[in-house]
Amino acid sequence: MRRKSSKHRRTVLRLGDLDHSKAAVLNSLGSPASRRAYEFAMDDFIAWYCSEPRLAFGHVVVTRFRISLEARGLSSSSINQRLAAVRRLAYEAADCGLLSPELAAGIRRVKGAKQLGHRSGNWLTLEQCSAVLNGVGGDDLRAKRDRAMIAILIGCGLRRAELAALEIEHIQTRQEHWAIVDLVGKGGHIRTVPMPHWVKEALDTWASAAGVTTGAYSGRSAEPEGCGVGALART
């Protein structure tokens, strides 16, 4: 498909143009979680943009969008996530020949919200974490499994997908401390996560009750298929 020459590229995008650019963005993302986040952010911007007077899709409009997000009381991380999606939308629109490259470049220069160095979102307090763990009652296998799952999520900060993919051979000792080694996380990033002693105790309690041998925790032997910690989230 031939791209439109710069003099014919639009400055005001119609809904069809925005939907086309949005589809191009989503098709370029490999992670389902990223696609969901970008789709939500782009839908939010498109709804706002179509409700405003049809000004040129450029630096001024995106700055006004950022101001509207701040007026809604969104956190800095949420605002910056939406702006990142809008920048990607502008990039795809320019690449498809629907938007002037000059306007797309101006959108990329829109500054995000300042991060003040404090934690964003809702974080559990120590008392709330204890209440969640203590709320898993019972001595049956399912209760022990649930307690081990919650302990890993809270104590190690794993995502749900990371917990589901976790295998016992990932849990090893490093410098006389337990850790989750070579954990493949979001975007294919590999990292090592320290495991607190109380998390290891909860995991050992479940493994012992489930009949899973503890030899594989140090990485010295392989466990039968299906015995990995990922079974916690799949059973």
Protein backbone atom coordinates (compact mmCIF):
# COMPACT_ATOMS: atom_id res chain seq x y z
CA MET A 1 0.00 0.00 0.00
CA ARG A 2 1.42 3.39 -0.96
CA ARG A 3 1.75 5.90 1.80
CA LYS A 4 0.18 9.27 1.40
CA SER A 5 2.54 12.14 0.74
CA SER A 6 3.20 14.48 3.64
CA LYS A 7 1.11 17.30 2.19
CA HIS A 8 -1.94 15.02 2.10
CA ARG A 9 -1.56 13.62 5.59
CA ARG A 10 -4.31 14.65 7.95
CA THR A 11 -3.92 16.71 11.09
CA VAL A 12 -7.36 15.80 12.46
CA LEU A 13 -8.00 12.06 12.67
CA ARG A 14 -11.43 10.52 12.29
CA LEU A 15 -12.64 7.59 14.34
CA GLY A 16 -11.82 5.16 11.54
CA ASP A 17 -8.24 6.47 11.38
CA LEU A 18 -7.85 6.10 15.14
CA ASP A 19 -9.25 2.57 15.08
CA HIS A 20 -6.87 1.63 12.27
CA SER A 21 -3.87 3.00 14.18
CA LYS A 22 -5.05 1.33 17.37
CA ALA A 23 -5.23 -2.05 15.60
CA ALA A 24 -1.68 -1.53 14.31
CA VAL A 25 -0.44 -0.86 17.85
CA LEU A 26 -2.14 -3.93 19.29
CA ASN A 27 -0.79 -6.14 16.51
CA SER A 28 2.75 -5.00 17.31
CA LEU A 29 2.52 -6.12 20.96
CA GLY A 30 3.40 -9.67 21.87
CA SER A 31 2.27 -9.76 25.49
CA PRO A 32 -1.48 -10.25 26.16
CA ALA A 33 -1.16 -8.15 29.31
CA SER A 34 0.44 -5.31 27.35
CA ARG A 35 -2.28 -5.51 24.71
CA ARG A 36 -4.99 -5.22 27.37
CA ALA A 37 -3.27 -2.25 29.04
CA TYR A 38 -2.64 -0.41 25.76
CA GLU A 39 -6.14 -1.10 24.46
CA PHE A 40 -7.71 0.32 27.62
CA ALA A 41 -5.46 3.41 27.49
CA MET A 42 -6.10 4.02 23.78
CA ASP A 43 -9.86 3.57 24.18
CA ASP A 44 -9.76 6.12 26.99
CA PHE A 45 -7.94 8.64 24.79
CA ILE A 46 -10.11 8.01 21.72
CA ALA A 47 -13.29 8.55 23.74
CA TRP A 48 -11.89 11.79 25.12
CA TYR A 49 -10.56 12.98 21.74
CA CYS A 50 -13.87 12.36 19.97
CA SER A 51 -15.78 14.23 22.68
CA GLU A 52 -13.60 17.33 22.32
CA PRO A 53 -13.63 19.91 19.50
CA ARG A 54 -11.76 18.37 16.58
CA LEU A 55 -8.38 20.05 16.94
CA ALA A 56 -5.22 18.82 15.27
CA PHE A 57 -3.93 15.60 16.80
CA GLY A 58 -0.69 17.05 18.08
CA HIS A 59 1.26 18.35 21.06
CA VAL A 60 -1.46 20.71 22.31
CA VAL A 61 -4.24 18.11 22.25
CA VAL A 62 -2.19 15.46 24.03
CA THR A 63 -1.12 18.02 26.63
CA ARG A 64 -4.78 18.83 27.22
CA PHE A 65 -5.45 15.11 27.58
CA ARG A 66 -2.73 14.86 30.23
CA ILE A 67 -4.30 17.78 32.11
CA SER A 68 -7.69 16.04 32.00
CA LEU A 69 -6.12 12.89 33.44
CA GLU A 70 -4.59 14.90 36.26
CA ALA A 71 -7.97 16.50 36.94
CA ARG A 72 -9.46 13.01 37.29
CA GLY A 73 -7.03 12.33 40.11
CA LEU A 74 -5.14 9.50 38.39
CA SER A 75 -1.74 8.50 39.72
CA SER A 76 1.45 9.48 37.93
CA SER A 77 2.04 5.92 36.76
CA SER A 78 -1.48 5.66 35.30
CA ILE A 79 -1.10 8.99 33.50
CA ASN A 80 2.28 8.04 32.07
CA GLN A 81 0.93 4.68 30.93
CA ARG A 82 -1.87 6.37 29.00
CA LEU A 83 0.53 8.90 27.48
CA ALA A 84 2.82 6.07 26.37
CA ALA A 85 -0.13 4.48 24.58
CA VAL A 86 -1.04 7.78 22.90
CA ARG A 87 2.55 8.26 21.72
CA ARG A 88 2.48 4.76 20.25
CA LEU A 89 -0.86 5.54 18.60
CA ALA A 90 0.62 8.68 17.01
CA TYR A 91 3.68 6.76 15.83
CA GLU A 92 1.54 4.13 14.09
CA ALA A 93 -0.73 6.79 12.57
CA ALA A 94 2.29 8.57 11.10
CA ASP A 95 3.81 5.29 9.93
CA CYS A 96 0.56 4.39 8.15
CA GLY A 97 0.50 7.78 6.44
CA LEU A 98 -2.52 9.03 8.38
CA LEU A 99 -0.77 11.72 10.42
CA SER A 100 1.85 14.34 9.72
CA PRO A 101 5.29 13.28 11.02
CA GLU A 102 5.73 16.74 12.50
CA LEU A 103 2.61 16.31 14.63
CA ALA A 104 3.68 12.82 15.69
CA ALA A 105 7.08 14.17 16.73
CA GLY A 106 5.37 16.89 18.78
CA ILE A 107 3.25 14.27 20.57
CA ARG A 108 6.37 12.31 21.53
CA ARG A 109 7.69 15.46 23.23
CA VAL A 110 4.71 15.76 25.60
CA LYS A 111 6.09 15.43 29.12
CA GLY A 112 4.64 12.84 31.44
CA ALA A 113 3.54 13.32 35.02
CA LYS A 114 6.31 13.73 37.56
CA GLN A 115 7.13 10.73 39.72
CA LEU A 116 7.61 11.96 43.27
CA GLY A 117 9.33 8.82 44.44
CA HIS A 118 6.43 7.39 46.43
CA ARG A 119 4.72 4.09 45.84
CA SER A 120 1.81 4.29 43.46
CA GLY A 121 -1.29 2.15 43.63
CA ASN A 122 -2.65 0.28 46.63
CA TRP A 123 -0.09 -1.50 48.78
CA LEU A 124 -0.94 -3.87 51.59
CA THR A 125 0.30 -2.98 55.04
CA LEU A 126 2.08 -5.52 57.23
CA GLU A 127 -1.13 -6.04 59.21
CA GLN A 128 -3.15 -6.58 56.02
CA CYS A 129 -0.62 -9.11 54.71
CA SER A 130 -0.82 -11.01 57.98
CA ALA A 131 -4.62 -10.94 57.84
CA VAL A 132 -4.61 -12.39 54.31
CA LEU A 133 -2.23 -15.18 55.28
CA ASN A 134 -4.06 -15.97 58.51
CA GLY A 135 -7.37 -15.98 56.63
CA VAL A 136 -6.40 -19.23 54.94
CA GLY A 137 -7.62 -21.68 57.57
CA GLY A 138 -7.66 -25.44 57.73
CA ASP A 139 -5.09 -28.19 57.67
CA ASP A 140 -6.15 -29.93 54.47
CA LEU A 141 -4.00 -30.01 51.35
CA ARG A 142 -5.93 -27.26 49.58
CA ALA A 143 -5.52 -24.85 52.51
CA LYS A 144 -1.79 -25.52 52.66
CA ARG A 145 -1.56 -24.99 48.91
CA ASP A 146 -3.46 -21.70 49.09
CA ARG A 147 -1.27 -20.47 51.94
CA ALA A 148 1.87 -21.31 49.96
CA MET A 149 0.49 -19.46 46.91
CA ILE A 150 -0.31 -16.33 48.91
CA ALA A 151 3.03 -16.48 50.71
CA ILE A 152 4.94 -16.57 47.40
CA LEU A 153 2.86 -13.75 45.89
CA ILE A 154 3.30 -11.50 48.94
CA GLY A 155 6.78 -12.46 50.08
CA CYS A 156 8.44 -12.70 46.66
CA GLY A 157 6.31 -10.21 44.71
CA LEU A 158 5.61 -12.58 41.83
CA ARG A 159 2.97 -11.99 39.19
CA ARG A 160 0.22 -14.57 38.82
CA ALA A 161 1.62 -15.80 35.52
CA GLU A 162 5.07 -16.18 37.09
CA LEU A 163 3.61 -18.22 39.93
CA ALA A 164 1.76 -20.47 37.48
CA ALA A 165 4.99 -21.11 35.54
CA LEU A 166 7.14 -21.68 38.64
CA GLU A 167 8.81 -25.08 38.99
CA ILE A 168 10.49 -26.54 42.06
CA GLU A 169 13.88 -26.62 40.39
CA HIS A 170 13.78 -22.81 40.26
CA ILE A 171 14.00 -22.70 44.06
CA GLN A 172 17.65 -22.96 45.03
CA THR A 173 20.15 -21.66 47.57
CA ARG A 174 22.36 -18.72 46.71
CA GLN A 175 24.96 -17.56 49.22
CA GLU A 176 23.22 -19.54 51.97
CA HIS A 177 19.86 -17.94 51.23
CA TRP A 178 16.83 -19.33 49.40
CA ALA A 179 15.93 -17.71 46.09
CA ILE A 180 13.90 -18.25 42.94
CA VAL A 181 16.59 -18.56 40.28
CA ASP A 182 16.30 -17.82 36.55
CA LEU A 183 12.67 -16.72 36.79
CA VAL A 184 11.35 -15.71 33.36
CA GLY A 185 8.99 -12.78 33.85
CA LYS A 186 7.16 -10.18 31.80
CA GLY A 187 8.81 -9.40 28.50
CA GLY A 188 11.07 -12.45 28.78
CA HIS A 189 13.24 -10.81 31.43
CA ILE A 190 15.16 -13.29 33.59
CA ARG A 191 15.85 -12.46 37.23
CA THR A 192 16.60 -14.01 40.61
CA VAL A 193 14.16 -13.28 43.44
CA PRO A 194 15.08 -13.73 47.14
CA MET A 195 12.70 -15.97 49.09
CA PRO A 196 12.11 -15.12 52.77
CA HIS A 197 12.39 -17.94 55.27
CA TRP A 198 8.69 -17.83 56.19
CA VAL A 199 7.74 -18.23 52.53
CA LYS A 200 10.01 -21.27 52.25
CA GLU A 201 8.39 -22.77 55.35
CA ALA A 202 4.90 -22.37 53.86
CA LEU A 203 6.08 -23.93 50.62
CA ASP A 204 7.75 -26.84 52.42
CA THR A 205 4.56 -27.48 54.40
CA TRP A 206 2.57 -27.81 51.18
CA ALA A 207 5.25 -29.89 49.43
CA SER A 208 5.48 -32.32 52.34
CA ALA A 209 1.70 -32.75 52.55
CA ALA A 210 1.46 -33.16 48.75
CA GLY A 211 4.15 -35.81 48.74
CA VAL A 212 6.63 -33.73 46.72
CA THR A 213 10.23 -34.52 47.66
CA THR A 214 12.34 -31.62 48.85
CA GLY A 215 15.50 -32.66 46.99
CA ALA A 216 14.66 -30.56 43.96
CA TYR A 217 14.54 -27.33 45.98
CA SER A 218 18.32 -27.10 45.81
CA GLY A 219 18.34 -27.86 42.09
CA ARG A 220 20.29 -31.14 42.60
CA SER A 221 17.63 -33.41 41.11
CA ALA A 222 14.67 -33.30 38.77
CA GLU A 223 11.08 -33.77 39.86
CA PRO A 224 8.48 -35.82 37.95
CA GLU A 225 6.38 -33.83 35.51
CA GLY A 226 3.50 -32.05 37.19
CA CYS A 227 5.18 -31.81 40.59
CA GLY A 228 6.43 -28.27 40.08
CA VAL A 229 5.31 -25.35 42.17
CA GLY A 230 3.34 -24.18 39.16
CA ALA A 231 0.87 -26.89 40.09
CA LEU A 232 -0.17 -24.57 42.92
CA ALA A 233 -1.89 -22.26 40.47
CA ARG A 234 -3.12 -25.00 38.14
CA THR A 235 -4.88 -27.25 40.67
